[in-house]
Amino acid sequence: MTATASDSAPRTATTPDPRRWRALALLCLAGFMVILDSQIVVLALPSIAKGLDFSPGGAQWVMSAYLLGFGGLLLLGGRIADLLGRRRVFMTGTLLFGLSSLLCGFAWSAGVLVTARAVQGVSAAVMAPTALSLLLNTFEEGPERNKALAIWSGSGGFGATAALLIGGPLTGLLGWQWVFFLNVPVALLLLILGPLLLRESRTEARTRSYDPAGALTVTAALVASVYAVVEAPRAGWLSAQTVGLLAASAALALLFVRIESRSTGPLVPLRLLRSPSVSGGNLVVFLLGSCAFGMSYTLSQYGQDVLGYSPLRFGLCNVVMPATAVIGSYAGQALVTRVGPRPVAVGGLALVGTGSLLLSRVPVDGGFVRDLFPGLLVFGPGLGACAVAGSIAALTGVGERESGVASGINTAAFQIGGAFGVAVVSSVALSFADGQAPAGLTTGYRTAFTACVVLAAVGLACAATLPRGSRRPSPDRAVTPSRARS
């Protein structure tokens, strides 16, 4: 089909897409669905393990299989979107996510569910960075894009909040299958509205290079590192398995850098990684993810194992954190526009560390208002503000040709950081727990919260090294949506 004149003309900063805010709403719905799915499954995991007769410890693979597919293919998913067309790849990922969610709900055995979750992770690895790349190419760099990124981050907070509110009742009333069926109508809505609201864009290149050697090595490196971290609490951090996998991941990463330095069409242009803003912003996002996921995991264990909260009660109590994170993201984008990402990232991580420190004092007979609410009230705004500041820093000055892979790096940093954080705090809690009695478990969880303080402190030190201001893209690399296609 031939594009219309208005669609085929390149857009500039003076002619923004009039559909951009409706397109943003659609992209945020996709982000909402991905976050909702990852959080709601945590609440349904005990029912899933019982319903499908998972072996002891086997239920963790419902989460691990998803994380391996998601974390391992994020960079490749973003690059494919750059080359084949971001809208096309986004729609393909959405279709695959809906179908794999349907298979998860109808799973008749543990093996089928784990396999379907791996496919779901792969589809999310295509959807998430592509949605963020579409956002970058819809909004010009500056205050408007900062606001869009805050709304994008806020949609994740709303997804986490919704998961906590509906996960327990949905599992209890309709069964665990419905935490997966819930994704299907959302995916259908995205498939219907996507072609109407999203512009097609892709890297304009004479030849398309998929860099198969680079794609293979970086995917293998990410899968090896994620698997090592996920299994470390069980196998031991100094076990032959963990050390061997991490060593293999490091060797593959070095090989990847060598391949990229010689490739005419690299998967990840090394100039991206050399940028202080890009590398520093992603490091901050990695450590923020470690602290956020680690704190949430520890809080869930403490609330249900020590305080005896039901999934519903725990979800209602924990709502304060994602809700205040949404507020923090909106305040953070306004501050970044005025003072730059560094002060906002530093302040956000200071709040995250303070909230973790308050939670590290929880007693064995704790109460929500007295012992949990103050820490969550401080943690939430810091999480939202730092997430926006870190993402803005990591994506500032990235050219249109690299927006997909840059979005993949940014998304991977948070997700893999989260896996690392959960592995660290679960290992710490297990090492310092004094038996299985509530008092002994509380000792371990308090130490795990302290580990979150340490992660936040390291992140704060990294945030302090971010560049002061925003680096504008050079004229030949400016992020402007490419010629639309229909």
Protein backbone atom coordinates (compact mmCIF):
# COMPACT_ATOMS: atom_id res chain seq x y z
CA MET A 1 0.00 0.00 0.00
CA THR A 2 1.28 3.45 -0.86
CA ALA A 3 1.71 5.84 2.04
CA THR A 4 -0.19 9.09 2.01
CA ALA A 5 1.70 12.32 1.63
CA SER A 6 1.28 13.24 5.26
CA ASP A 7 2.50 9.84 6.39
CA SER A 8 5.40 9.55 4.00
CA ALA A 9 6.99 12.92 4.72
CA PRO A 10 9.70 12.83 7.36
CA ARG A 11 8.56 14.47 10.58
CA THR A 12 10.66 17.10 12.30
CA ALA A 13 10.61 18.80 15.64
CA THR A 14 8.17 21.38 14.22
CA THR A 15 5.65 18.78 13.02
CA PRO A 16 5.15 16.32 15.87
CA ASP A 17 2.82 13.38 15.37
CA PRO A 18 -0.67 14.54 16.42
CA ARG A 19 -1.41 10.98 17.60
CA ARG A 20 1.63 10.83 19.86
CA TRP A 21 -0.18 10.99 23.21
CA ARG A 22 -2.70 8.34 22.18
CA ALA A 23 0.20 6.24 20.92
CA LEU A 24 1.90 6.73 24.29
CA ALA A 25 -1.22 5.47 26.07
CA LEU A 26 -1.13 2.33 23.93
CA LEU A 27 2.58 1.75 24.60
CA CYS A 28 2.02 2.27 28.32
CA LEU A 29 -0.74 -0.35 28.20
CA ALA A 30 1.83 -2.79 26.81
CA GLY A 31 4.28 -1.91 29.60
CA PHE A 32 1.46 -2.24 32.12
CA MET A 33 0.68 -5.75 30.88
CA VAL A 34 4.30 -6.94 31.05
CA ILE A 35 4.78 -5.63 34.62
CA LEU A 36 1.37 -6.91 35.74
CA ASP A 37 2.22 -10.38 34.43
CA SER A 38 5.62 -10.55 36.13
CA GLN A 39 4.25 -9.41 39.51
CA ILE A 40 0.95 -11.26 39.61
CA VAL A 41 2.63 -14.61 38.94
CA VAL A 42 4.63 -14.19 42.17
CA LEU A 43 1.40 -14.10 44.18
CA ALA A 44 -0.03 -17.10 42.32
CA LEU A 45 3.11 -19.24 42.58
CA PRO A 46 2.04 -21.30 45.66
CA SER A 47 -1.27 -22.19 43.96
CA ILE A 48 0.52 -23.03 40.69
CA ALA A 49 2.97 -25.32 42.50
CA LYS A 50 0.12 -27.14 44.22
CA GLY A 51 -2.11 -27.33 41.14
CA LEU A 52 0.53 -28.80 38.81
CA ASP A 53 2.40 -30.91 41.39
CA PHE A 54 5.76 -29.21 41.00
CA SER A 55 8.67 -30.93 42.71
CA PRO A 56 10.15 -29.19 45.77
CA GLY A 57 11.97 -26.11 44.52
CA GLY A 58 10.73 -26.73 40.97
CA ALA A 59 8.14 -23.94 41.04
CA GLN A 60 10.92 -21.35 40.86
CA TRP A 61 11.28 -22.29 37.18
CA VAL A 62 7.94 -20.64 36.48
CA MET A 63 9.84 -17.41 37.18
CA SER A 64 13.31 -18.46 36.04
CA ALA A 65 12.24 -19.69 32.59
CA TYR A 66 10.57 -16.34 31.91
CA LEU A 67 13.59 -14.42 33.14
CA LEU A 68 16.02 -16.43 31.00
CA GLY A 69 14.03 -15.75 27.84
CA PHE A 70 13.42 -12.12 28.74
CA GLY A 71 16.89 -11.18 29.92
CA GLY A 72 18.74 -13.21 27.31
CA LEU A 73 17.08 -11.79 24.20
CA LEU A 74 16.42 -8.14 25.07
CA LEU A 75 19.34 -6.77 23.06
CA LEU A 76 18.56 -8.91 20.03
CA GLY A 77 14.87 -7.98 20.23
CA GLY A 78 15.69 -4.28 20.21
CA ARG A 79 18.09 -4.62 17.27
CA ILE A 80 15.63 -6.64 15.20
CA ALA A 81 13.07 -3.88 15.72
CA ASP A 82 15.56 -1.29 14.44
CA LEU A 83 16.11 -3.28 11.25
CA LEU A 84 12.73 -4.82 10.43
CA GLY A 85 10.44 -2.05 11.64
CA ARG A 86 9.52 -1.19 15.20
CA ARG A 87 5.74 -1.33 14.81
CA ARG A 88 5.90 -4.64 12.95
CA VAL A 89 8.13 -6.25 15.57
CA PHE A 90 6.06 -4.81 18.42
CA MET A 91 2.88 -6.32 16.95
CA THR A 92 4.60 -9.69 16.43
CA GLY A 93 5.82 -9.71 20.03
CA THR A 94 2.35 -8.78 21.29
CA LEU A 95 0.74 -11.62 19.31
CA LEU A 96 3.27 -14.11 20.66
CA PHE A 97 2.77 -12.81 24.21
CA GLY A 98 -0.99 -13.28 23.96
CA LEU A 99 -0.70 -16.80 22.53
CA SER A 100 1.89 -17.89 25.10
CA SER A 101 -0.29 -16.47 27.91
CA LEU A 102 -3.17 -18.54 26.60
CA LEU A 103 -0.99 -21.66 26.62
CA CYS A 104 0.16 -20.88 30.18
CA GLY A 105 -3.46 -20.74 31.34
CA PHE A 106 -4.30 -24.05 29.65
CA ALA A 107 -1.06 -25.76 30.77
CA TRP A 108 -1.77 -29.34 31.83
CA SER A 109 1.64 -30.13 33.31
CA ALA A 110 4.59 -28.44 34.96
CA GLY A 111 6.75 -28.93 31.87
CA VAL A 112 4.21 -27.31 29.56
CA LEU A 113 3.88 -24.29 31.85
CA VAL A 114 7.64 -23.79 32.14
CA THR A 115 8.03 -24.05 28.35
CA ALA A 116 5.18 -21.59 27.77
CA ARG A 117 6.70 -19.18 30.28
CA ALA A 118 10.01 -19.30 28.41
CA VAL A 119 8.18 -18.37 25.19
CA GLN A 120 6.38 -15.63 27.11
CA GLY A 121 9.76 -14.27 28.23
CA VAL A 122 11.03 -14.23 24.64
CA SER A 123 7.94 -12.35 23.47
CA ALA A 124 8.34 -9.83 26.31
CA ALA A 125 11.98 -9.38 25.24
CA VAL A 126 10.65 -8.30 21.85
CA MET A 127 7.77 -6.17 23.16
CA ALA A 128 9.36 -4.18 25.96
CA PRO A 129 12.41 -2.63 24.25
CA THR A 130 10.44 -2.09 21.04
CA ALA A 131 7.71 -0.21 22.90
CA LEU A 132 10.34 1.99 24.54
CA SER A 133 12.05 2.53 21.18
CA LEU A 134 8.72 3.57 19.64
CA LEU A 135 8.32 6.06 22.48
CA LEU A 136 11.78 7.53 21.83
CA ASN A 137 11.00 7.94 18.15
CA THR A 138 7.60 9.50 18.81
CA PHE A 139 8.76 12.24 21.19
CA GLU A 140 11.60 14.65 20.56
CA GLU A 141 14.37 14.72 23.16
CA GLY A 142 13.67 17.27 25.89
CA PRO A 143 10.84 18.11 28.32
CA GLU A 144 8.13 16.37 26.27
CA ARG A 145 10.07 13.10 26.09
CA ASN A 146 10.94 13.34 29.78
CA LYS A 147 7.24 13.61 30.55
CA ALA A 148 6.52 10.64 28.28
CA LEU A 149 9.20 8.56 30.03
CA ALA A 150 7.67 9.45 33.40
CA ILE A 151 4.26 8.30 32.20
CA TRP A 152 5.90 5.11 30.87
CA SER A 153 7.51 4.46 34.27
CA GLY A 154 4.25 5.29 35.99
CA SER A 155 2.43 2.66 33.94
CA GLY A 156 4.83 0.09 35.38
CA GLY A 157 3.97 1.30 38.87
CA PHE A 158 0.27 0.99 38.10
CA GLY A 159 0.88 -2.53 36.80
CA ALA A 160 2.66 -3.55 39.99
CA THR A 161 -0.10 -1.97 42.09
CA ALA A 162 -2.84 -3.73 40.13
CA ALA A 163 -1.03 -7.05 40.49
CA LEU A 164 -0.92 -6.68 44.26
CA LEU A 165 -4.59 -5.69 44.42
CA ILE A 166 -6.11 -8.34 42.14
CA GLY A 167 -3.59 -11.18 42.29
CA GLY A 168 -4.87 -12.70 45.52
CA PRO A 169 -8.62 -12.45 44.82
CA LEU A 170 -8.20 -13.59 41.20
CA THR A 171 -6.22 -16.67 42.23
CA GLY A 172 -8.56 -17.48 45.11
CA LEU A 173 -11.85 -17.04 43.26
CA LEU A 174 -11.11 -18.15 39.69
CA GLY A 175 -7.88 -20.14 39.96
CA TRP A 176 -4.25 -19.47 39.05
CA GLN A 177 -4.98 -19.95 35.34
CA TRP A 178 -6.65 -16.53 35.23
CA VAL A 179 -3.48 -14.63 36.05
CA PHE A 180 -2.42 -15.67 32.52
CA PHE A 181 -5.80 -15.42 30.79
CA LEU A 182 -5.93 -11.79 31.94
CA ASN A 183 -3.26 -10.92 29.36
CA VAL A 184 -5.26 -12.16 26.38
CA PRO A 185 -7.88 -9.35 26.05
CA VAL A 186 -5.16 -6.73 26.63
CA ALA A 187 -3.03 -8.24 23.85
CA LEU A 188 -6.06 -8.26 21.54
CA LEU A 189 -6.69 -4.56 22.22
CA LEU A 190 -3.04 -3.77 21.42
CA LEU A 191 -3.24 -5.72 18.17
CA ILE A 192 -6.37 -3.86 17.11
CA LEU A 193 -5.23 -0.33 17.99
CA GLY A 194 -1.51 -0.67 17.18
CA PRO A 195 -1.81 -0.21 13.40
CA LEU A 196 -4.09 2.80 13.93
CA LEU A 197 -1.94 4.73 16.43
CA LEU A 198 1.68 3.69 15.92
CA ARG A 199 3.87 4.90 13.07
CA GLU A 200 6.20 2.43 11.42
CA SER A 201 9.88 3.30 11.63
CA ARG A 202 13.13 1.47 11.08
CA THR A 203 16.80 2.19 10.59
CA GLU A 204 17.39 3.56 7.13
CA ALA A 205 20.39 1.54 5.92
CA ARG A 206 21.47 0.38 2.51
CA THR A 207 22.17 -3.09 3.81
CA ARG A 208 20.72 -4.83 6.84
CA SER A 209 23.27 -6.52 9.05
CA TYR A 210 21.98 -8.74 11.84
CA ASP A 211 25.48 -9.45 13.19
CA PRO A 212 24.78 -13.16 13.89
CA ALA A 213 28.11 -13.71 15.66
CA GLY A 214 27.50 -10.75 17.96
CA ALA A 215 23.89 -11.78 18.57
CA LEU A 216 24.90 -15.35 19.44
CA THR A 217 27.69 -14.37 21.84
CA VAL A 218 25.80 -11.65 23.71
CA THR A 219 22.67 -13.82 24.04
CA ALA A 220 24.74 -16.73 25.36
CA ALA A 221 26.56 -14.37 27.76
CA LEU A 222 23.28 -12.97 29.12
CA VAL A 223 21.64 -16.40 29.46
CA ALA A 224 24.72 -17.79 31.27
CA SER A 225 24.87 -14.84 33.68
CA VAL A 226 21.13 -14.86 34.41
CA TYR A 227 21.13 -18.63 34.98
CA ALA A 228 24.15 -18.38 37.27
CA VAL A 229 22.54 -15.64 39.35
CA VAL A 230 19.12 -17.33 39.52
CA GLU A 231 20.63 -20.65 40.64
CA ALA A 232 23.32 -19.17 42.94
CA PRO A 233 21.23 -19.28 46.15
CA ARG A 234 20.65 -23.01 45.65
CA ALA A 235 24.01 -24.03 44.20
CA GLY A 236 26.15 -21.60 46.24
CA TRP A 237 27.93 -18.46 45.08
CA LEU A 238 31.33 -20.20 45.18
CA SER A 239 30.16 -23.49 43.68
CA ALA A 240 31.74 -24.82 40.50
CA GLN A 241 28.45 -24.26 38.66
CA THR A 242 28.11 -20.58 39.60
CA VAL A 243 31.78 -19.69 39.15
CA GLY A 244 31.98 -21.61 35.87
CA LEU A 245 28.86 -19.96 34.43
CA LEU A 246 29.99 -16.46 35.44
CA ALA A 247 33.45 -17.10 33.98
CA ALA A 248 31.87 -18.34 30.74
CA SER A 249 29.64 -15.26 30.67
CA ALA A 250 32.64 -12.95 31.12
CA ALA A 251 34.58 -14.73 28.37
CA LEU A 252 31.61 -14.50 26.00
CA ALA A 253 31.21 -10.80 26.84
CA LEU A 254 34.86 -10.15 25.95
CA LEU A 255 34.44 -12.11 22.72
CA PHE A 256 31.33 -10.05 21.97
CA VAL A 257 33.25 -6.77 22.41
CA ARG A 258 35.96 -8.05 20.05
CA ILE A 259 33.38 -9.07 17.44
CA GLU A 260 31.59 -5.72 17.68
CA SER A 261 34.82 -3.77 17.28
CA ARG A 262 35.42 -5.50 13.91
CA SER A 263 31.86 -5.70 12.63
CA THR A 264 30.70 -3.37 9.84
CA GLY A 265 27.13 -3.55 11.19
CA PRO A 266 27.45 -4.27 14.93
CA LEU A 267 24.55 -5.36 17.09
CA VAL A 268 25.67 -2.84 19.74
CA PRO A 269 27.84 0.02 18.46
CA LEU A 270 30.65 0.33 21.00
CA ARG A 271 30.37 4.12 20.99
CA LEU A 272 27.10 3.63 22.90
CA LEU A 273 28.91 1.83 25.72
CA ARG A 274 31.71 4.41 25.74
CA SER A 275 29.26 7.23 26.45
CA PRO A 276 29.43 8.19 30.16
CA SER A 277 25.73 9.03 30.13
CA VAL A 278 24.63 5.74 28.54
CA SER A 279 26.93 3.45 30.56
CA GLY A 280 26.47 5.37 33.81
CA GLY A 281 22.69 5.60 33.46
CA ASN A 282 22.37 1.87 32.79
CA LEU A 283 24.62 1.02 35.74
CA VAL A 284 22.39 3.13 37.98
CA VAL A 285 19.31 1.36 36.60
CA PHE A 286 20.96 -2.05 37.20
CA LEU A 287 21.66 -1.27 40.87
CA LEU A 288 18.23 0.31 41.35
CA GLY A 289 16.64 -2.86 39.98
CA SER A 290 18.79 -4.95 42.34
CA CYS A 291 17.61 -2.98 45.34
CA ALA A 292 13.94 -2.75 44.26
CA PHE A 293 13.50 -6.45 43.45
CA GLY A 294 15.60 -7.48 46.45
CA MET A 295 13.56 -5.37 48.85
CA SER A 296 10.23 -6.58 47.41
CA TYR A 297 11.31 -10.22 47.65
CA THR A 298 12.48 -9.85 51.24
CA LEU A 299 9.34 -7.95 52.24
CA SER A 300 7.14 -10.65 50.72
CA GLN A 301 8.97 -13.39 52.64
CA TYR A 302 8.85 -11.46 55.90
CA GLY A 303 5.18 -10.53 55.53
CA GLN A 304 3.99 -14.05 54.77
CA ASP A 305 6.49 -16.23 56.69
CA VAL A 306 6.83 -14.13 59.86
CA LEU A 307 3.72 -11.95 60.08
CA GLY A 308 1.46 -14.60 58.55
CA TYR A 309 -0.17 -12.24 56.04
CA SER A 310 -2.34 -13.79 53.33
CA PRO A 311 -1.45 -12.88 49.72
CA LEU A 312 -4.45 -10.52 49.60
CA ARG A 313 -3.59 -8.75 52.84
CA PHE A 314 0.07 -8.48 51.90
CA GLY A 315 -0.84 -7.07 48.48
CA LEU A 316 -3.10 -4.42 50.00
CA CYS A 317 -0.45 -3.41 52.53
CA ASN A 318 2.32 -3.21 49.92
CA VAL A 319 0.32 -1.00 47.54
CA VAL A 320 1.81 2.13 49.10
CA MET A 321 5.22 1.48 47.51
CA PRO A 322 4.27 1.27 43.79
CA ALA A 323 1.64 4.00 44.27
CA THR A 324 4.20 6.45 45.65
CA ALA A 325 6.68 5.35 42.97
CA VAL A 326 4.25 6.72 40.37
CA ILE A 327 4.27 10.08 42.20
CA GLY A 328 8.07 9.98 42.35
CA SER A 329 8.36 9.34 38.60
CA TYR A 330 6.29 12.41 37.73
CA ALA A 331 8.18 14.62 40.16
CA GLY A 332 11.47 13.15 38.93
CA GLN A 333 10.92 14.01 35.26
CA ALA A 334 10.10 17.63 36.15
CA LEU A 335 13.28 17.90 38.21
CA VAL A 336 15.43 16.25 35.52
CA THR A 337 14.23 18.83 33.01
CA ARG A 338 15.39 21.61 35.36
CA VAL A 339 18.55 20.27 37.01
CA GLY A 340 19.62 17.22 34.96
CA PRO A 341 19.55 13.50 35.81
CA ARG A 342 22.45 13.34 38.28
CA PRO A 343 20.91 15.16 41.28
CA VAL A 344 17.60 13.34 40.81
CA ALA A 345 19.27 9.91 40.60
CA VAL A 346 21.38 10.67 43.70
CA GLY A 347 18.36 11.88 45.66
CA GLY A 348 16.23 8.95 44.55
CA LEU A 349 18.80 6.36 45.60
CA ALA A 350 19.26 8.16 48.91
CA LEU A 351 15.52 7.71 49.55
CA VAL A 352 15.69 4.05 48.43
CA GLY A 353 18.59 3.41 50.84
CA THR A 354 16.81 5.20 53.68
CA GLY A 355 13.64 3.19 53.12
CA SER A 356 15.63 -0.06 53.14
CA LEU A 357 17.37 1.05 56.35
CA LEU A 358 14.02 1.66 58.05
CA LEU A 359 12.85 -1.79 57.00
CA SER A 360 16.03 -3.41 58.33
CA ARG A 361 14.69 -2.77 61.85
CA VAL A 362 11.55 -4.92 61.50
CA PRO A 363 10.76 -6.98 64.64
CA VAL A 364 9.39 -10.48 64.85
CA ASP A 365 6.02 -9.13 66.05
CA GLY A 366 5.91 -6.27 63.57
CA GLY A 367 2.88 -4.34 62.42
CA PHE A 368 2.23 -2.65 59.10
CA VAL A 369 1.65 0.94 60.24
CA ARG A 370 4.46 0.97 62.79
CA ASP A 371 7.16 -1.06 61.03
CA LEU A 372 6.49 -1.32 57.28
CA PHE A 373 4.62 1.81 56.23
CA PRO A 374 7.40 4.38 56.99
CA GLY A 375 10.01 2.48 54.98
CA LEU A 376 7.69 1.90 52.01
CA LEU A 377 6.56 5.53 52.06
CA VAL A 378 10.18 6.67 51.68
CA PHE A 379 11.27 3.90 49.29
CA GLY A 380 8.52 4.41 46.70
CA PRO A 381 9.18 8.03 45.61
CA GLY A 382 12.91 7.34 45.46
CA LEU A 383 12.32 4.33 43.21
CA GLY A 384 10.13 6.31 40.81
CA ALA A 385 12.40 9.35 40.62
CA CYS A 386 15.61 7.35 40.15
CA ALA A 387 14.07 5.06 37.52
CA VAL A 388 13.13 8.05 35.37
CA ALA A 389 16.46 9.84 35.92
CA GLY A 390 18.50 6.73 35.12
CA SER A 391 16.52 6.00 31.97
CA ILE A 392 16.73 9.60 30.75
CA ALA A 393 20.50 9.57 31.29
CA ALA A 394 20.87 6.22 29.52
CA LEU A 395 18.76 7.24 26.51
CA THR A 396 19.81 10.87 26.07
CA GLY A 397 21.65 11.55 22.82
CA VAL A 398 20.95 8.09 21.36
CA GLY A 399 20.42 8.24 17.61
CA GLU A 400 17.33 6.91 15.84
CA ARG A 401 19.35 4.09 14.27
CA GLU A 402 20.29 2.79 17.72
CA SER A 403 17.13 3.50 19.71
CA GLY A 404 15.96 -0.12 19.71
CA VAL A 405 19.19 -1.63 20.99
CA ALA A 406 19.63 1.24 23.49
CA SER A 407 16.14 0.54 24.81
CA GLY A 408 17.03 -3.15 25.04
CA ILE A 409 20.14 -2.36 27.09
CA ASN A 410 18.14 -0.13 29.42
CA THR A 411 15.39 -2.71 29.93
CA ALA A 412 17.93 -5.52 30.37
CA ALA A 413 19.81 -3.49 32.99
CA PHE A 414 16.75 -3.25 35.24
CA GLN A 415 15.57 -6.84 34.77
CA ILE A 416 18.97 -8.51 35.15
CA GLY A 417 19.71 -6.19 38.06
CA GLY A 418 16.49 -7.44 39.63
CA ALA A 419 17.54 -11.07 39.23
CA PHE A 420 20.91 -10.24 40.79
CA GLY A 421 19.26 -8.44 43.70
CA VAL A 422 16.88 -11.31 44.49
CA ALA A 423 19.76 -13.79 44.36
CA VAL A 424 21.86 -11.66 46.71
CA VAL A 425 19.19 -11.01 49.33
CA SER A 426 17.89 -14.58 49.31
CA SER A 427 21.44 -15.85 49.87
CA VAL A 428 22.00 -13.33 52.67
CA ALA A 429 18.68 -14.17 54.34
CA LEU A 430 19.45 -17.90 54.20
CA SER A 431 22.98 -17.43 55.54
CA PHE A 432 21.98 -15.27 58.52
CA ALA A 433 18.68 -16.96 59.44
CA ASP A 434 18.82 -18.74 62.78
CA GLY A 435 16.52 -21.68 62.19
CA GLN A 436 12.99 -21.71 60.79
CA ALA A 437 11.25 -20.15 63.78
CA PRO A 438 9.85 -16.60 63.24
CA ALA A 439 12.58 -15.03 65.36
CA GLY A 440 15.34 -16.79 63.41
CA LEU A 441 13.79 -15.94 60.06
CA THR A 442 13.45 -12.29 61.09
CA THR A 443 17.19 -12.12 61.76
CA GLY A 444 17.87 -13.25 58.21
CA TYR A 445 15.35 -10.86 56.67
CA ARG A 446 16.70 -7.89 58.61
CA THR A 447 20.16 -8.65 57.24
CA ALA A 448 18.70 -8.96 53.73
CA PHE A 449 17.18 -5.48 54.06
CA THR A 450 20.62 -4.26 55.12
CA ALA A 451 22.04 -5.79 51.93
CA CYS A 452 19.55 -3.60 50.03
CA VAL A 453 21.02 -0.57 51.83
CA VAL A 454 24.46 -1.57 50.56
CA LEU A 455 23.18 -1.98 46.99
CA ALA A 456 21.55 1.46 47.17
CA ALA A 457 24.78 3.00 48.49
CA VAL A 458 26.77 1.54 45.59
CA GLY A 459 24.14 2.83 43.19
CA LEU A 460 24.30 6.29 44.78
CA ALA A 461 28.07 6.37 44.26
CA CYS A 462 27.57 5.49 40.58
CA ALA A 463 24.83 8.12 40.21
CA ALA A 464 27.22 10.77 41.53
CA THR A 465 29.46 10.17 38.49
CA LEU A 466 26.72 10.83 35.90
CA PRO A 467 27.30 13.82 33.61
CA ARG A 468 25.82 17.06 34.93
CA GLY A 469 23.62 17.89 31.95
CA SER A 470 22.03 16.19 29.00
CA ARG A 471 24.08 15.38 25.93
CA ARG A 472 22.17 16.43 22.84
CA PRO A 473 22.40 14.17 19.80
CA SER A 474 24.57 15.23 16.94
CA PRO A 475 22.69 16.43 13.84
CA ASP A 476 23.40 13.26 11.86
CA ARG A 477 22.20 11.06 14.70
CA ALA A 478 19.21 13.04 15.90
CA VAL A 479 16.27 10.98 17.06
CA THR A 480 13.53 11.78 14.59
CA PRO A 481 11.04 9.20 13.44
CA SER A 482 11.93 7.82 10.06
CA ARG A 483 9.69 7.79 7.00
CA ALA A 484 6.33 6.26 7.90
CA ARG A 485 5.09 3.20 6.10
CA SER A 486 1.70 1.64 5.85
